Amino acid sequence: ELGAKGTFPDGERTVIGAFRRSVTYDRDYFWTEYLLYHPRDGFEWLVHSDGHWTRVKNVPAGDVTMSAKSARLRGRKFHKFQQAEATVRAVVG
């Protein structure tokens, strides 16, 4: 719900928006992304998909080096799992 507050180890966050998204393969796969805000730390996302929660924080674009199938950030390499065009199904906020 908009305005809801949650507490993380580094402080409280407020939900200021959310949207429901999906991709289609053999069927539709849905997830929800909640936009969180803190006056000191700015914006971040809380993603709920298949019963799992993921907290996503922004990083400066200049800190990421990308190739076709991977990305590097602060000495770590991340491989692309899959690629699809997502559809926005609903927006709040």
PDB file of N, CA and C in Angstrom:
ATOM      1  N   GLU A   1       0.845  -1.180   0.000  1.00  0.00           N
ATOM      2  CA  GLU A   1       0.000   0.000   0.000  1.00  0.00           C
ATOM      3  C   GLU A   1       0.894   1.249   0.000  1.00  0.00           C
ATOM      4  N   LEU A   2       0.519   2.260  -0.760  1.00  0.00           N
ATOM      5  CA  LEU A   2       1.281   3.507  -0.785  1.00  0.00           C
ATOM      6  C   LEU A   2       1.352   4.104   0.614  1.00  0.00           C
ATOM      7  N   GLY A   3       2.532   4.594   0.971  1.00  0.00           N
ATOM      8  CA  GLY A   3       2.736   5.185   2.284  1.00  0.00           C
ATOM      9  C   GLY A   3       3.137   4.185   3.351  1.00  0.00           C
ATOM     10  N   ALA A   4       3.058   2.897   3.046  1.00  0.00           N
ATOM     11  CA  ALA A   4       3.465   1.882   4.017  1.00  0.00           C
ATOM     12  C   ALA A   4       4.948   2.040   4.300  1.00  0.00           C
ATOM     13  N   LYS A   5       5.342   1.746   5.539  1.00  0.00           N
ATOM     14  CA  LYS A   5       6.735   1.863   5.941  1.00  0.00           C
ATOM     15  C   LYS A   5       7.263   0.491   6.349  1.00  0.00           C
ATOM     16  N   GLY A   6       8.510   0.256   6.014  1.00  0.00           N
ATOM     17  CA  GLY A   6       9.174  -0.974   6.405  1.00  0.00           C
ATOM     18  C   GLY A   6      10.549  -0.648   6.934  1.00  0.00           C
ATOM     19  N   THR A   7      11.061  -1.500   7.805  1.00  0.00           N
ATOM     20  CA  THR A   7      12.354  -1.255   8.416  1.00  0.00           C
ATOM     21  C   THR A   7      13.372  -2.280   7.942  1.00  0.00           C
ATOM     22  N   PHE A   8      14.509  -1.791   7.501  1.00  0.00           N
ATOM     23  CA  PHE A   8      15.650  -2.601   7.109  1.00  0.00           C
ATOM     24  C   PHE A   8      16.767  -2.317   8.105  1.00  0.00           C
ATOM     25  N   PRO A   9      17.841  -3.105   8.101  1.00  0.00           N
ATOM     26  CA  PRO A   9      18.930  -2.839   9.045  1.00  0.00           C
ATOM     27  C   PRO A   9      19.505  -1.422   8.939  1.00  0.00           C
ATOM     28  N   ASP A  10      19.444  -0.818   7.744  1.00  0.00           N
ATOM     29  CA  ASP A  10      19.991   0.530   7.579  1.00  0.00           C
ATOM     30  C   ASP A  10      18.932   1.626   7.652  1.00  0.00           C
ATOM     31  N   GLY A  11      17.734   1.301   8.110  1.00  0.00           N
ATOM     32  CA  GLY A  11      16.727   2.336   8.325  1.00  0.00           C
ATOM     33  C   GLY A  11      15.384   2.051   7.692  1.00  0.00           C
ATOM     34  N   GLU A  12      14.454   2.932   7.976  1.00  0.00           N
ATOM     35  CA  GLU A  12      13.079   2.803   7.498  1.00  0.00           C
ATOM     36  C   GLU A  12      12.960   3.282   6.053  1.00  0.00           C
ATOM     37  N   ARG A  13      12.088   2.639   5.290  1.00  0.00           N
ATOM     38  CA  ARG A  13      11.800   3.016   3.907  1.00  0.00           C
ATOM     39  C   ARG A  13      10.288   3.160   3.758  1.00  0.00           C
ATOM     40  N   THR A  14       9.875   4.045   2.848  1.00  0.00           N
ATOM     41  CA  THR A  14       8.454   4.282   2.580  1.00  0.00           C
ATOM     42  C   THR A  14       8.129   3.863   1.157  1.00  0.00           C
ATOM     43  N   VAL A  15       7.036   3.145   0.977  1.00  0.00           N
ATOM     44  CA  VAL A  15       6.570   2.755  -0.362  1.00  0.00           C
ATOM     45  C   VAL A  15       5.921   3.974  -1.001  1.00  0.00           C
ATOM     46  N   ILE A  16       6.472   4.420  -2.144  1.00  0.00           N
ATOM     47  CA  ILE A  16       5.900   5.588  -2.826  1.00  0.00           C
ATOM     48  C   ILE A  16       5.322   5.233  -4.193  1.00  0.00           C
ATOM     49  N   GLY A  17       5.468   3.979  -4.604  1.00  0.00           N
ATOM     50  CA  GLY A  17       4.912   3.545  -5.880  1.00  0.00           C
ATOM     51  C   GLY A  17       5.103   2.058  -6.050  1.00  0.00           C
ATOM     52  N   ALA A  18       4.366   1.492  -6.991  1.00  0.00           N
ATOM     53  CA  ALA A  18       4.510   0.062  -7.283  1.00  0.00           C
ATOM     54  C   ALA A  18       4.002  -0.208  -8.681  1.00  0.00           C
ATOM     55  N   PHE A  19       4.549  -1.249  -9.290  1.00  0.00           N
ATOM     56  CA  PHE A  19       3.945  -1.713 -10.529  1.00  0.00           C
ATOM     57  C   PHE A  19       4.079  -3.205 -10.668  1.00  0.00           C
ATOM     58  N   ARG A  20       3.131  -3.752 -11.395  1.00  0.00           N
ATOM     59  CA  ARG A  20       3.044  -5.186 -11.670  1.00  0.00           C
ATOM     60  C   ARG A  20       3.525  -5.382 -13.099  1.00  0.00           C
ATOM     61  N   ARG A  21       4.438  -6.332 -13.286  1.00  0.00           N
ATOM     62  CA  ARG A  21       5.007  -6.580 -14.612  1.00  0.00           C
ATOM     63  C   ARG A  21       4.912  -8.057 -14.936  1.00  0.00           C
ATOM     64  N   SER A  22       5.104  -8.370 -16.210  1.00  0.00           N
ATOM     65  CA  SER A  22       5.112  -9.777 -16.618  1.00  0.00           C
ATOM     66  C   SER A  22       5.937  -9.953 -17.885  1.00  0.00           C
ATOM     67  N   VAL A  23       6.369 -11.184 -18.088  1.00  0.00           N
ATOM     68  CA  VAL A  23       6.945 -11.617 -19.356  1.00  0.00           C
ATOM     69  C   VAL A  23       6.181 -12.864 -19.772  1.00  0.00           C
ATOM     70  N   THR A  24       6.160 -13.129 -21.072  1.00  0.00           N
ATOM     71  CA  THR A  24       5.438 -14.288 -21.580  1.00  0.00           C
ATOM     72  C   THR A  24       6.398 -15.223 -22.297  1.00  0.00           C
ATOM     73  N   TYR A  25       6.397 -16.465 -21.879  1.00  0.00           N
ATOM     74  CA  TYR A  25       7.105 -17.553 -22.562  1.00  0.00           C
ATOM     75  C   TYR A  25       6.033 -18.578 -22.898  1.00  0.00           C
ATOM     76  N   ASP A  26       6.026 -19.697 -22.209  1.00  0.00           N
ATOM     77  CA  ASP A  26       4.966 -20.690 -22.379  1.00  0.00           C
ATOM     78  C   ASP A  26       3.680 -20.242 -21.686  1.00  0.00           C
ATOM     79  N   ARG A  27       3.814 -19.282 -20.763  1.00  0.00           N
ATOM     80  CA  ARG A  27       2.689 -18.670 -20.047  1.00  0.00           C
ATOM     81  C   ARG A  27       3.169 -17.321 -19.528  1.00  0.00           C
ATOM     82  N   ASP A  28       2.299 -16.571 -18.860  1.00  0.00           N
ATOM     83  CA  ASP A  28       2.687 -15.285 -18.276  1.00  0.00           C
ATOM     84  C   ASP A  28       3.345 -15.505 -16.917  1.00  0.00           C
ATOM     85  N   TYR A  29       4.476 -14.832 -16.702  1.00  0.00           N
ATOM     86  CA  TYR A  29       5.176 -14.855 -15.422  1.00  0.00           C
ATOM     87  C   TYR A  29       5.140 -13.449 -14.851  1.00  0.00           C
ATOM     88  N   PHE A  30       4.583 -13.288 -13.645  1.00  0.00           N
ATOM     89  CA  PHE A  30       4.346 -11.982 -13.035  1.00  0.00           C
ATOM     90  C   PHE A  30       5.296 -11.715 -11.872  1.00  0.00           C
ATOM     91  N   TRP A  31       5.564 -10.442 -11.619  1.00  0.00           N
ATOM     92  CA  TRP A  31       6.244 -10.010 -10.403  1.00  0.00           C
ATOM     93  C   TRP A  31       5.804  -8.584 -10.109  1.00  0.00           C
ATOM     94  N   THR A  32       6.086  -8.118  -8.874  1.00  0.00           N
ATOM     95  CA  THR A  32       5.724  -6.774  -8.448  1.00  0.00           C
ATOM     96  C   THR A  32       6.975  -6.050  -7.975  1.00  0.00           C
ATOM     97  N   GLU A  33       7.122  -4.801  -8.394  1.00  0.00           N
ATOM     98  CA  GLU A  33       8.250  -3.966  -7.980  1.00  0.00           C
ATOM     99  C   GLU A  33       7.713  -2.774  -7.189  1.00  0.00           C
ATOM    100  N   TYR A  34       8.231  -2.612  -5.962  1.00  0.00           N
ATOM    101  CA  TYR A  34       7.822  -1.515  -5.083  1.00  0.00           C
ATOM    102  C   TYR A  34       8.936  -0.479  -5.054  1.00  0.00           C
ATOM    103  N   LEU A  35       8.586   0.775  -5.323  1.00  0.00           N
ATOM    104  CA  LEU A  35       9.561   1.860  -5.259  1.00  0.00           C
ATOM    105  C   LEU A  35       9.595   2.384  -3.829  1.00  0.00           C
ATOM    106  N   LEU A  36      10.787   2.315  -3.218  1.00  0.00           N
ATOM    107  CA  LEU A  36      10.965   2.747  -1.831  1.00  0.00           C
ATOM    108  C   LEU A  36      11.754   4.052  -1.808  1.00  0.00           C
ATOM    109  N   TYR A  37      11.539   4.821  -0.742  1.00  0.00           N
ATOM    110  CA  TYR A  37      12.249   6.098  -0.611  1.00  0.00           C
ATOM    111  C   TYR A  37      12.679   6.319   0.829  1.00  0.00           C
ATOM    112  N   HIS A  38      13.867   6.920   0.961  1.00  0.00           N
ATOM    113  CA  HIS A  38      14.376   7.387   2.250  1.00  0.00           C
ATOM    114  C   HIS A  38      15.042   8.734   1.990  1.00  0.00           C
ATOM    115  N   PRO A  39      14.746   9.763   2.810  1.00  0.00           N
ATOM    116  CA  PRO A  39      15.298  11.100   2.548  1.00  0.00           C
ATOM    117  C   PRO A  39      16.824  11.139   2.459  1.00  0.00           C
ATOM    118  N   ARG A  40      17.510  10.346   3.256  1.00  0.00           N
ATOM    119  CA  ARG A  40      18.980  10.341   3.246  1.00  0.00           C
ATOM    120  C   ARG A  40      19.546   9.494   2.104  1.00  0.00           C
ATOM    121  N   ASP A  41      18.938   8.323   1.868  1.00  0.00           N
ATOM    122  CA  ASP A  41      19.507   7.339   0.937  1.00  0.00           C
ATOM    123  C   ASP A  41      18.895   7.370  -0.456  1.00  0.00           C
ATOM    124  N   GLY A  42      17.781   8.048  -0.636  1.00  0.00           N
ATOM    125  CA  GLY A  42      17.157   8.145  -1.952  1.00  0.00           C
ATOM    126  C   GLY A  42      16.253   6.967  -2.269  1.00  0.00           C
ATOM    127  N   PHE A  43      16.264   6.561  -3.542  1.00  0.00           N
ATOM    128  CA  PHE A  43      15.331   5.557  -4.055  1.00  0.00           C
ATOM    129  C   PHE A  43      15.977   4.179  -4.158  1.00  0.00           C
ATOM    130  N   GLU A  44      15.158   3.155  -4.007  1.00  0.00           N
ATOM    131  CA  GLU A  44      15.566   1.776  -4.252  1.00  0.00           C
ATOM    132  C   GLU A  44      14.302   0.972  -4.531  1.00  0.00           C
ATOM    133  N   TRP A  45      14.479  -0.281  -4.904  1.00  0.00           N
ATOM    134  CA  TRP A  45      13.346  -1.140  -5.259  1.00  0.00           C
ATOM    135  C   TRP A  45      13.291  -2.364  -4.356  1.00  0.00           C
ATOM    136  N   LEU A  46      12.086  -2.820  -4.085  1.00  0.00           N
ATOM    137  CA  LEU A  46      11.854  -4.095  -3.418  1.00  0.00           C
ATOM    138  C   LEU A  46      11.016  -4.917  -4.387  1.00  0.00           C
ATOM    139  N   VAL A  47      11.555  -6.044  -4.841  1.00  0.00           N
ATOM    140  CA  VAL A  47      10.919  -6.851  -5.880  1.00  0.00           C
ATOM    141  C   VAL A  47      10.394  -8.144  -5.274  1.00  0.00           C
ATOM    142  N   HIS A  48       9.142  -8.467  -5.567  1.00  0.00           N
ATOM    143  CA  HIS A  48       8.519  -9.710  -5.089  1.00  0.00           C
ATOM    144  C   HIS A  48       8.177 -10.578  -6.294  1.00  0.00           C
ATOM    145  N   SER A  49       8.766 -11.778  -6.338  1.00  0.00           N
ATOM    146  CA  SER A  49       8.563 -12.695  -7.452  1.00  0.00           C
ATOM    147  C   SER A  49       8.598 -14.134  -6.955  1.00  0.00           C
ATOM    148  N   ASP A  50       7.555 -14.881  -7.237  1.00  0.00           N
ATOM    149  CA  ASP A  50       7.496 -16.302  -6.874  1.00  0.00           C
ATOM    150  C   ASP A  50       7.802 -16.546  -5.399  1.00  0.00           C
ATOM    151  N   GLY A  51       7.294 -15.698  -4.520  1.00  0.00           N
ATOM    152  CA  GLY A  51       7.495 -15.878  -3.090  1.00  0.00           C
ATOM    153  C   GLY A  51       8.845 -15.407  -2.577  1.00  0.00           C
ATOM    154  N   HIS A  52       9.662 -14.803  -3.448  1.00  0.00           N
ATOM    155  CA  HIS A  52      10.990 -14.323  -3.062  1.00  0.00           C
ATOM    156  C   HIS A  52      11.015 -12.801  -3.090  1.00  0.00           C
ATOM    157  N   TRP A  53      11.766 -12.218  -2.166  1.00  0.00           N
ATOM    158  CA  TRP A  53      11.940 -10.776  -2.092  1.00  0.00           C
ATOM    159  C   TRP A  53      13.388 -10.428  -2.410  1.00  0.00           C
ATOM    160  N   THR A  54      13.581  -9.382  -3.230  1.00  0.00           N
ATOM    161  CA  THR A  54      14.921  -8.917  -3.586  1.00  0.00           C
ATOM    162  C   THR A  54      14.966  -7.406  -3.412  1.00  0.00           C
ATOM    163  N   ARG A  55      15.952  -6.938  -2.676  1.00  0.00           N
ATOM    164  CA  ARG A  55      16.141  -5.502  -2.487  1.00  0.00           C
ATOM    165  C   ARG A  55      17.169  -5.033  -3.505  1.00  0.00           C
ATOM    166  N   VAL A  56      16.824  -4.007  -4.284  1.00  0.00           N
ATOM    167  CA  VAL A  56      17.660  -3.550  -5.386  1.00  0.00           C
ATOM    168  C   VAL A  56      18.040  -2.084  -5.158  1.00  0.00           C
ATOM    169  N   LYS A  57      19.338  -1.828  -5.105  1.00  0.00           N
ATOM    170  CA  LYS A  57      19.824  -0.457  -4.949  1.00  0.00           C
ATOM    171  C   LYS A  57      20.513  -0.022  -6.232  1.00  0.00           C
ATOM    172  N   ASN A  58      20.378   1.246  -6.573  1.00  0.00           N
ATOM    173  CA  ASN A  58      21.025   1.792  -7.771  1.00  0.00           C
ATOM    174  C   ASN A  58      22.527   1.909  -7.570  1.00  0.00           C
ATOM    175  N   VAL A  59      23.250   1.789  -8.668  1.00  0.00           N
ATOM    176  CA  VAL A  59      24.691   2.047  -8.675  1.00  0.00           C
ATOM    177  C   VAL A  59      24.962   3.037  -9.804  1.00  0.00           C
ATOM    178  N   PRO A  60      26.008   3.838  -9.683  1.00  0.00           N
ATOM    179  CA  PRO A  60      26.326   4.769 -10.769  1.00  0.00           C
ATOM    180  C   PRO A  60      26.628   4.004 -12.061  1.00  0.00           C
ATOM    181  N   ALA A  61      26.072   4.481 -13.166  1.00  0.00           N
ATOM    182  CA  ALA A  61      26.248   3.797 -14.453  1.00  0.00           C
ATOM    183  C   ALA A  61      27.722   3.639 -14.808  1.00  0.00           C
ATOM    184  N   GLY A  62      28.558   4.576 -14.440  1.00  0.00           N
ATOM    185  CA  GLY A  62      29.973   4.513 -14.738  1.00  0.00           C
ATOM    186  C   GLY A  62      30.713   3.406 -13.994  1.00  0.00           C
ATOM    187  N   ASP A  63      30.087   2.844 -12.949  1.00  0.00           N
ATOM    188  CA  ASP A  63      30.704   1.760 -12.187  1.00  0.00           C
ATOM    189  C   ASP A  63      30.497   0.399 -12.847  1.00  0.00           C
ATOM    190  N   VAL A  64      29.662   0.332 -13.884  1.00  0.00           N
ATOM    191  CA  VAL A  64      29.319  -0.939 -14.531  1.00  0.00           C
ATOM    192  C   VAL A  64      29.946  -1.003 -15.911  1.00  0.00           C
ATOM    193  N   THR A  65      30.612  -2.125 -16.197  1.00  0.00           N
ATOM    194  CA  THR A  65      31.144  -2.398 -17.525  1.00  0.00           C
ATOM    195  C   THR A  65      30.325  -3.547 -18.103  1.00  0.00           C
ATOM    196  N   MET A  66      29.745  -3.351 -19.288  1.00  0.00           N
ATOM    197  CA  MET A  66      28.846  -4.357 -19.852  1.00  0.00           C
ATOM    198  C   MET A  66      29.393  -4.952 -21.135  1.00  0.00           C
ATOM    199  N   SER A  67      29.034  -6.219 -21.360  1.00  0.00           N
ATOM    200  CA  SER A  67      29.260  -6.872 -22.643  1.00  0.00           C
ATOM    201  C   SER A  67      27.924  -7.497 -23.046  1.00  0.00           C
ATOM    202  N   ALA A  68      27.891  -8.246 -24.126  1.00  0.00           N
ATOM    203  CA  ALA A  68      26.631  -8.806 -24.619  1.00  0.00           C
ATOM    204  C   ALA A  68      25.977  -9.764 -23.626  1.00  0.00           C
ATOM    205  N   LYS A  69      26.782 -10.530 -22.877  1.00  0.00           N
ATOM    206  CA  LYS A  69      26.209 -11.556 -22.000  1.00  0.00           C
ATOM    207  C   LYS A  69      26.607 -11.433 -20.539  1.00  0.00           C
ATOM    208  N   SER A  70      27.259 -10.323 -20.167  1.00  0.00           N
ATOM    209  CA  SER A  70      27.660 -10.173 -18.773  1.00  0.00           C
ATOM    210  C   SER A  70      27.857  -8.699 -18.436  1.00  0.00           C
ATOM    211  N   ALA A  71      28.042  -8.463 -17.138  1.00  0.00           N
ATOM    212  CA  ALA A  71      28.362  -7.125 -16.642  1.00  0.00           C
ATOM    213  C   ALA A  71      29.334  -7.270 -15.486  1.00  0.00           C
ATOM    214  N   ARG A  72      30.171  -6.268 -15.294  1.00  0.00           N
ATOM    215  CA  ARG A  72      31.114  -6.260 -14.178  1.00  0.00           C
ATOM    216  C   ARG A  72      30.827  -5.051 -13.301  1.00  0.00           C
ATOM    217  N   LEU A  73      30.873  -5.291 -11.991  1.00  0.00           N
ATOM    218  CA  LEU A  73      30.681  -4.225 -11.013  1.00  0.00           C
ATOM    219  C   LEU A  73      31.609  -4.489  -9.836  1.00  0.00           C
ATOM    220  N   ARG A  74      32.480  -3.543  -9.567  1.00  0.00           N
ATOM    221  CA  ARG A  74      33.392  -3.618  -8.418  1.00  0.00           C
ATOM    222  C   ARG A  74      34.113  -4.960  -8.331  1.00  0.00           C
ATOM    223  N   GLY A  75      34.648  -5.409  -9.461  1.00  0.00           N
ATOM    224  CA  GLY A  75      35.435  -6.626  -9.488  1.00  0.00           C
ATOM    225  C   GLY A  75      34.654  -7.923  -9.586  1.00  0.00           C
ATOM    226  N   ARG A  76      33.327  -7.853  -9.588  1.00  0.00           N
ATOM    227  CA  ARG A  76      32.494  -9.052  -9.701  1.00  0.00           C
ATOM    228  C   ARG A  76      31.876  -9.112 -11.088  1.00  0.00           C
ATOM    229  N   LYS A  77      31.777 -10.329 -11.620  1.00  0.00           N
ATOM    230  CA  LYS A  77      31.182 -10.537 -12.935  1.00  0.00           C
ATOM    231  C   LYS A  77      29.810 -11.168 -12.765  1.00  0.00           C
ATOM    232  N   PHE A  78      28.821 -10.628 -13.485  1.00  0.00           N
ATOM    233  CA  PHE A  78      27.444 -11.120 -13.443  1.00  0.00           C
ATOM    234  C   PHE A  78      27.053 -11.562 -14.843  1.00  0.00           C
ATOM    235  N   HIS A  79      26.518 -12.783 -14.955  1.00  0.00           N
ATOM    236  CA  HIS A  79      26.117 -13.319 -16.256  1.00  0.00           C
ATOM    237  C   HIS A  79      24.614 -13.134 -16.458  1.00  0.00           C
ATOM    238  N   LYS A  80      24.231 -12.832 -17.695  1.00  0.00           N
ATOM    239  CA  LYS A  80      22.824 -12.679 -18.045  1.00  0.00           C
ATOM    240  C   LYS A  80      22.152 -14.050 -17.973  1.00  0.00           C
ATOM    241  N   PHE A  81      21.058 -14.142 -17.230  1.00  0.00           N
ATOM    242  CA  PHE A  81      20.321 -15.385 -17.092  1.00  0.00           C
ATOM    243  C   PHE A  81      19.367 -15.585 -18.264  1.00  0.00           C
ATOM    244  N   GLN A  82      18.627 -14.541 -18.584  1.00  0.00           N
ATOM    245  CA  GLN A  82      17.728 -14.591 -19.727  1.00  0.00           C
ATOM    246  C   GLN A  82      17.382 -13.163 -20.128  1.00  0.00           C
ATOM    247  N   GLN A  83      16.767 -13.025 -21.285  1.00  0.00           N
ATOM    248  CA  GLN A  83      16.383 -11.713 -21.777  1.00  0.00           C
ATOM    249  C   GLN A  83      14.977 -11.800 -22.327  1.00  0.00           C
ATOM    250  N   ALA A  84      14.159 -10.825 -21.961  1.00  0.00           N
ATOM    251  CA  ALA A  84      12.786 -10.768 -22.462  1.00  0.00           C
ATOM    252  C   ALA A  84      12.275  -9.342 -22.326  1.00  0.00           C
ATOM    253  N   GLU A  85      11.276  -9.017 -23.098  1.00  0.00           N
ATOM    254  CA  GLU A  85      10.641  -7.709 -22.991  1.00  0.00           C
ATOM    255  C   GLU A  85       9.484  -7.827 -22.010  1.00  0.00           C
ATOM    256  N   ALA A  86       9.538  -7.031 -20.950  1.00  0.00           N
ATOM    257  CA  ALA A  86       8.492  -7.080 -19.927  1.00  0.00           C
ATOM    258  C   ALA A  86       7.346  -6.126 -20.279  1.00  0.00           C
ATOM    259  N   THR A  87       6.164  -6.506 -19.846  1.00  0.00           N
ATOM    260  CA  THR A  87       4.964  -5.699 -20.029  1.00  0.00           C
ATOM    261  C   THR A  87       4.521  -5.167 -18.668  1.00  0.00           C
ATOM    262  N   VAL A  88       4.210  -3.880 -18.607  1.00  0.00           N
ATOM    263  CA  VAL A  88       3.667  -3.299 -17.384  1.00  0.00           C
ATOM    264  C   VAL A  88       2.182  -3.574 -17.361  1.00  0.00           C
ATOM    265  N   ARG A  89       1.704  -4.218 -16.308  1.00  0.00           N
ATOM    266  CA  ARG A  89       0.287  -4.600 -16.196  1.00  0.00           C
ATOM    267  C   ARG A  89      -0.520  -3.651 -15.319  1.00  0.00           C
ATOM    268  N   ALA A  90       0.117  -3.027 -14.333  1.00  0.00           N
ATOM    269  CA  ALA A  90      -0.584  -2.098 -13.438  1.00  0.00           C
ATOM    270  C   ALA A  90       0.439  -1.187 -12.775  1.00  0.00           C
ATOM    271  N   VAL A  91       0.018   0.062 -12.475  1.00  0.00           N
ATOM    272  CA  VAL A  91       0.883   1.044 -11.815  1.00  0.00           C
ATOM    273  C   VAL A  91       0.105   1.736 -10.722  1.00  0.00           C
ATOM    274  N   VAL A  92       0.767   1.965  -9.581  1.00  0.00           N
ATOM    275  CA  VAL A  92       0.188   2.712  -8.469  1.00  0.00           C
ATOM    276  C   VAL A  92       1.231   3.705  -8.005  1.00  0.00           C
ATOM    277  N   GLY A  93       0.830   4.970  -7.813  1.00  0.00           N
ATOM    278  CA  GLY A  93       1.758   5.958  -7.281  1.00  0.00           C
ATOM    279  C   GLY A  93       2.101   7.030  -8.268  1.00  0.00           C
TER     280      GLY A  93
END
